[in-house]
Amino acid sequence: MQEKIIILDFGSQTTQLIGRRIRELEIYCEIVPYNKFPHGDKNIKGVILSGSPFSVYDTHAFKADLSNIRGKYPILGICYGAQFMAYSNGGKVESAGTREYGRSRLVSFRKENRLFKV
């Protein structure tokens, strides 16, 4: 079976773009709903938590149980995904007052850093 990255979709308008960019790196990935993690799949090498139109404090915000994946896989949270990881681990998330959309630029990173290894 093929190694893969799982993208948990929290409703972001850019989830498909995230998947496309991962595939452009010649890495197989699957996009699944935030509450449908494929727990029995032995080929998962990492997890990405997508963004969402909600804040972690919104009553209608999607909440996933991360207890079965935390510490088992490398996890990257993007926007809401990063906020949700902090919030679900007891961290505090504060509003910036305005929403942020658009392109960001990664200035530099070390390829040997384990954060960037699959």
Protein backbone atom coordinates (compact mmCIF):
# COMPACT_ATOMS: atom_id res chain seq x y z
CA MET A 1 0.00 0.00 0.00
CA GLN A 2 1.01 3.59 -0.59
CA GLU A 3 2.13 5.93 2.21
CA LYS A 4 -0.16 8.93 2.54
CA ILE A 5 -1.02 12.18 4.23
CA ILE A 6 -4.56 12.61 5.55
CA ILE A 7 -6.16 16.05 5.33
CA LEU A 8 -8.99 16.50 7.82
CA ASP A 9 -11.42 18.94 6.21
CA PHE A 10 -12.98 21.44 8.61
CA GLY A 11 -14.77 23.25 5.77
CA SER A 12 -12.06 25.51 4.40
CA GLN A 13 -12.43 26.95 0.94
CA THR A 14 -8.79 26.02 0.31
CA THR A 15 -8.77 22.35 1.37
CA GLN A 16 -8.70 21.11 -2.23
CA LEU A 17 -5.80 23.47 -2.96
CA ILE A 18 -3.87 22.07 0.01
CA GLY A 19 -4.40 18.56 -1.38
CA ARG A 20 -3.29 19.66 -4.82
CA ARG A 21 -0.08 21.19 -3.48
CA ILE A 22 0.72 18.02 -1.53
CA ARG A 23 0.17 15.93 -4.68
CA GLU A 24 2.40 18.29 -6.68
CA LEU A 25 5.16 17.22 -4.29
CA GLU A 26 4.45 13.64 -5.46
CA ILE A 27 3.00 12.69 -2.09
CA TYR A 28 -0.28 10.80 -2.03
CA CYS A 29 -2.96 12.37 0.14
CA GLU A 30 -6.62 11.89 0.93
CA ILE A 31 -9.11 14.53 2.04
CA VAL A 32 -11.66 13.27 4.55
CA PRO A 33 -14.31 15.00 6.69
CA TYR A 34 -13.00 16.24 10.05
CA ASN A 35 -14.86 13.46 11.91
CA LYS A 36 -13.97 10.53 9.60
CA PHE A 37 -10.31 9.78 10.35
CA PRO A 38 -9.36 6.34 8.91
CA HIS A 39 -8.01 4.88 12.18
CA GLY A 40 -7.20 1.42 10.80
CA ASP A 41 -5.01 2.66 7.95
CA LYS A 42 -1.35 1.69 8.59
CA ASN A 43 -0.05 3.79 5.67
CA ILE A 44 -0.74 7.21 7.18
CA LYS A 45 2.47 9.18 7.67
CA GLY A 46 1.04 12.55 8.70
CA VAL A 47 -2.10 14.60 9.18
CA ILE A 48 -3.06 18.11 8.09
CA LEU A 49 -5.93 19.93 9.80
CA SER A 50 -7.49 22.36 7.34
CA GLY A 51 -8.87 25.80 7.96
CA SER A 52 -12.52 26.57 8.61
CA PRO A 53 -14.93 29.47 8.22
CA PHE A 54 -15.41 29.27 12.01
CA SER A 55 -13.42 30.28 15.07
CA VAL A 56 -12.76 27.65 17.73
CA TYR A 57 -15.10 29.64 19.99
CA ASP A 58 -18.06 29.58 17.56
CA THR A 59 -20.87 27.35 18.81
CA HIS A 60 -21.24 25.78 15.35
CA ALA A 61 -17.51 25.19 14.86
CA PHE A 62 -16.51 21.67 13.87
CA LYS A 63 -14.73 19.86 16.67
CA ALA A 64 -12.75 16.66 16.11
CA ASP A 65 -11.50 14.18 18.69
CA LEU A 66 -7.73 14.33 18.24
CA SER A 67 -6.94 12.02 21.15
CA ASN A 68 -6.42 8.98 18.91
CA ILE A 69 -4.03 10.74 16.53
CA ARG A 70 -2.16 13.11 18.88
CA GLY A 71 1.37 11.79 19.41
CA LYS A 72 0.87 9.02 16.84
CA TYR A 73 1.38 11.10 13.69
CA PRO A 74 3.01 14.41 12.81
CA ILE A 75 0.17 16.97 12.63
CA LEU A 76 0.17 20.29 10.76
CA GLY A 77 -2.65 22.70 11.54
CA ILE A 78 -3.42 25.42 9.01
CA CYS A 79 -5.34 28.46 10.25
CA TYR A 80 -8.35 27.00 12.12
CA GLY A 81 -6.48 23.68 12.30
CA ALA A 82 -3.63 25.33 14.24
CA GLN A 83 -6.09 27.17 16.46
CA PHE A 84 -8.02 23.98 17.13
CA MET A 85 -4.84 22.08 18.10
CA ALA A 86 -3.94 24.81 20.59
CA TYR A 87 -7.49 25.07 21.93
CA SER A 88 -7.99 21.30 22.28
CA ASN A 89 -4.70 21.06 24.19
CA GLY A 90 -5.80 23.69 26.71
CA GLY A 91 -4.23 26.66 24.95
CA LYS A 92 -5.76 30.08 24.58
CA VAL A 93 -6.80 31.41 21.18
CA GLU A 94 -7.51 35.11 20.80
CA SER A 95 -9.24 36.98 18.02
CA ALA A 96 -7.13 39.22 15.81
CA GLY A 97 -10.14 41.38 15.09
CA THR A 98 -9.96 40.78 11.33
CA ARG A 99 -9.82 37.64 9.25
CA GLU A 100 -6.74 36.94 7.18
CA TYR A 101 -6.88 35.54 3.66
CA GLY A 102 -4.36 35.35 0.92
CA ARG A 103 -0.96 34.12 0.02
CA SER A 104 1.83 33.82 2.53
CA ARG A 105 5.47 33.37 1.81
CA LEU A 106 7.84 31.04 3.64
CA VAL A 107 11.12 32.90 3.67
CA SER A 108 13.49 30.12 4.68
CA PHE A 109 13.66 26.75 6.36
CA ARG A 110 16.16 23.96 6.88
CA LYS A 111 15.27 20.81 4.91
CA GLU A 112 16.95 18.64 7.54
CA ASN A 113 14.57 19.95 10.23
CA ARG A 114 12.36 17.01 11.27
CA LEU A 115 9.30 19.22 10.95
CA PHE A 116 9.69 19.00 7.17
CA LYS A 117 10.23 15.24 6.94
CA VAL A 118 7.41 12.89 6.02
